[in-house]
Amino acid sequence: MVHVQPGASRTELAGRHGDALKIRVREQAREGKANEAVVTFLAATLGIPQRQVTVRSGHLSRRKLIAVTGASEQAVMRLQQSASPNTSGSTIDPRPIASREQHGPCSAPSGR
């Protein structure tokens, strides 16, 4: 489950909102733009094509059920760990997780 905050100053993983991952997106919730931004963000973060990330329910709601196919279990677990309470409000590394594993961590602070 994902909780989306449209109209934010930047697109980022913002921790948790109850039992859901909280994702802030710059795009407004008009004409599906915020949904597209969430799909783009999750696909880039998980290192998979956008066609493998779909909004299954909640198209007109902040609370959405997102289906992800083809992502490694490790990538999904790292995404969930990035949203742990101690990293709330941190912008995660925009490189796909697979790329980070091959090339090492970026020099940007992780927020931990």
Protein backbone atom coordinates (compact mmCIF):
# COMPACT_ATOMS: atom_id res chain seq x y z
CA MET A 1 0.00 0.00 0.00
CA VAL A 2 1.20 3.51 -0.84
CA HIS A 3 0.05 6.86 0.52
CA VAL A 4 0.66 9.64 -2.02
CA GLN A 5 1.07 13.32 -1.25
CA PRO A 6 0.67 15.22 -4.54
CA GLY A 7 1.88 18.78 -5.07
CA ALA A 8 5.02 18.39 -2.94
CA SER A 9 8.16 20.46 -3.49
CA ARG A 10 9.98 17.35 -4.75
CA THR A 11 9.36 13.69 -5.50
CA GLU A 12 10.69 11.50 -2.71
CA LEU A 13 10.09 8.58 -0.41
CA ALA A 14 8.88 10.22 2.79
CA GLY A 15 8.77 7.32 5.24
CA ARG A 16 5.58 5.63 6.36
CA HIS A 17 1.99 6.69 6.75
CA GLY A 18 0.42 4.05 8.98
CA ASP A 19 0.96 0.71 7.22
CA ALA A 20 1.72 2.33 3.84
CA LEU A 21 4.84 3.74 2.21
CA LYS A 22 4.49 7.51 1.89
CA ILE A 23 5.60 9.00 -1.40
CA ARG A 24 5.57 12.71 -2.08
CA VAL A 25 5.29 13.74 -5.74
CA ARG A 26 5.67 17.16 -7.36
CA GLU A 27 2.79 16.60 -9.76
CA GLN A 28 -0.73 17.62 -8.87
CA ALA A 29 -3.53 15.05 -8.61
CA ARG A 30 -5.06 16.07 -11.92
CA GLU A 31 -5.59 13.94 -15.02
CA GLY A 32 -3.60 11.06 -13.50
CA LYS A 33 -0.35 13.03 -13.32
CA ALA A 34 0.34 12.11 -9.68
CA ASN A 35 -0.33 8.43 -10.42
CA GLU A 36 2.10 8.57 -13.36
CA ALA A 37 4.71 10.20 -11.12
CA VAL A 38 4.36 7.43 -8.51
CA VAL A 39 4.75 4.74 -11.18
CA THR A 40 7.79 6.50 -12.65
CA PHE A 41 9.39 6.99 -9.23
CA LEU A 42 8.86 3.39 -8.10
CA ALA A 43 10.06 1.93 -11.41
CA ALA A 44 13.23 4.05 -11.35
CA THR A 45 13.88 3.28 -7.69
CA LEU A 46 13.43 -0.46 -8.19
CA GLY A 47 15.34 -0.49 -11.50
CA ILE A 48 12.50 -1.96 -13.55
CA PRO A 49 10.52 -0.74 -16.59
CA GLN A 50 7.48 1.43 -15.86
CA ARG A 51 5.21 -1.14 -17.50
CA GLN A 52 5.96 -3.44 -14.54
CA VAL A 53 4.48 -0.99 -12.01
CA THR A 54 0.72 -0.41 -12.07
CA VAL A 55 -1.84 1.28 -9.87
CA ARG A 56 -4.29 -1.52 -9.08
CA SER A 57 -6.73 0.50 -6.96
CA GLY A 58 -7.07 3.98 -5.53
CA HIS A 59 -6.69 5.88 -8.79
CA LEU A 60 -8.61 8.84 -7.34
CA SER A 61 -7.41 8.43 -3.75
CA ARG A 62 -4.20 9.22 -1.89
CA ARG A 63 -4.13 5.59 -0.72
CA LYS A 64 -3.19 3.27 -3.57
CA LEU A 65 -2.55 -0.40 -4.09
CA ILE A 66 0.45 -0.74 -6.40
CA ALA A 67 1.36 -3.94 -8.25
CA VAL A 68 5.04 -4.50 -9.01
CA THR A 69 6.32 -7.35 -11.16
CA GLY A 70 9.89 -8.25 -11.99
CA ALA A 71 11.56 -6.48 -9.08
CA SER A 72 13.91 -8.52 -6.96
CA GLU A 73 12.82 -9.28 -3.43
CA GLN A 74 16.00 -7.57 -2.25
CA ALA A 75 15.09 -4.36 -4.13
CA VAL A 76 11.60 -4.28 -2.61
CA MET A 77 12.99 -4.93 0.87
CA ARG A 78 15.48 -2.06 0.47
CA LEU A 79 12.66 0.24 -0.59
CA GLN A 80 10.68 -0.72 2.50
CA GLN A 81 13.75 -0.25 4.72
CA SER A 82 14.31 3.19 3.19
CA ALA A 83 10.87 4.11 4.49
CA SER A 84 11.60 3.08 8.05
CA PRO A 85 10.77 5.74 10.66
CA ASN A 86 14.39 6.79 11.13
CA THR A 87 14.64 7.94 7.48
CA SER A 88 11.40 9.89 7.25
CA GLY A 89 11.72 12.85 4.94
CA SER A 90 14.95 11.73 3.30
CA THR A 91 15.29 11.68 -0.43
CA ILE A 92 16.47 8.25 -1.50
CA ASP A 93 19.18 7.69 -4.08
CA PRO A 94 17.42 8.04 -7.46
CA ARG A 95 19.66 5.45 -9.14
CA PRO A 96 18.07 2.03 -9.52
CA ILE A 97 18.98 -0.31 -6.69
CA ALA A 98 20.72 -2.73 -9.07
CA SER A 99 22.94 0.11 -10.30
CA ARG A 100 23.86 1.10 -6.74
CA GLU A 101 24.84 -2.48 -5.96
CA GLN A 102 27.18 -2.56 -8.96
CA HIS A 103 28.71 0.88 -8.53
CA GLY A 104 28.57 1.42 -4.80
CA PRO A 105 26.72 3.98 -2.72
CA CYS A 106 26.42 7.54 -3.90
CA SER A 107 28.11 10.33 -2.00
CA ALA A 108 24.81 11.93 -0.99
CA PRO A 109 23.80 11.53 2.65
CA SER A 110 21.38 8.70 3.27
CA GLY A 111 19.51 10.43 6.06
CA ARG A 112 20.34 7.74 8.58
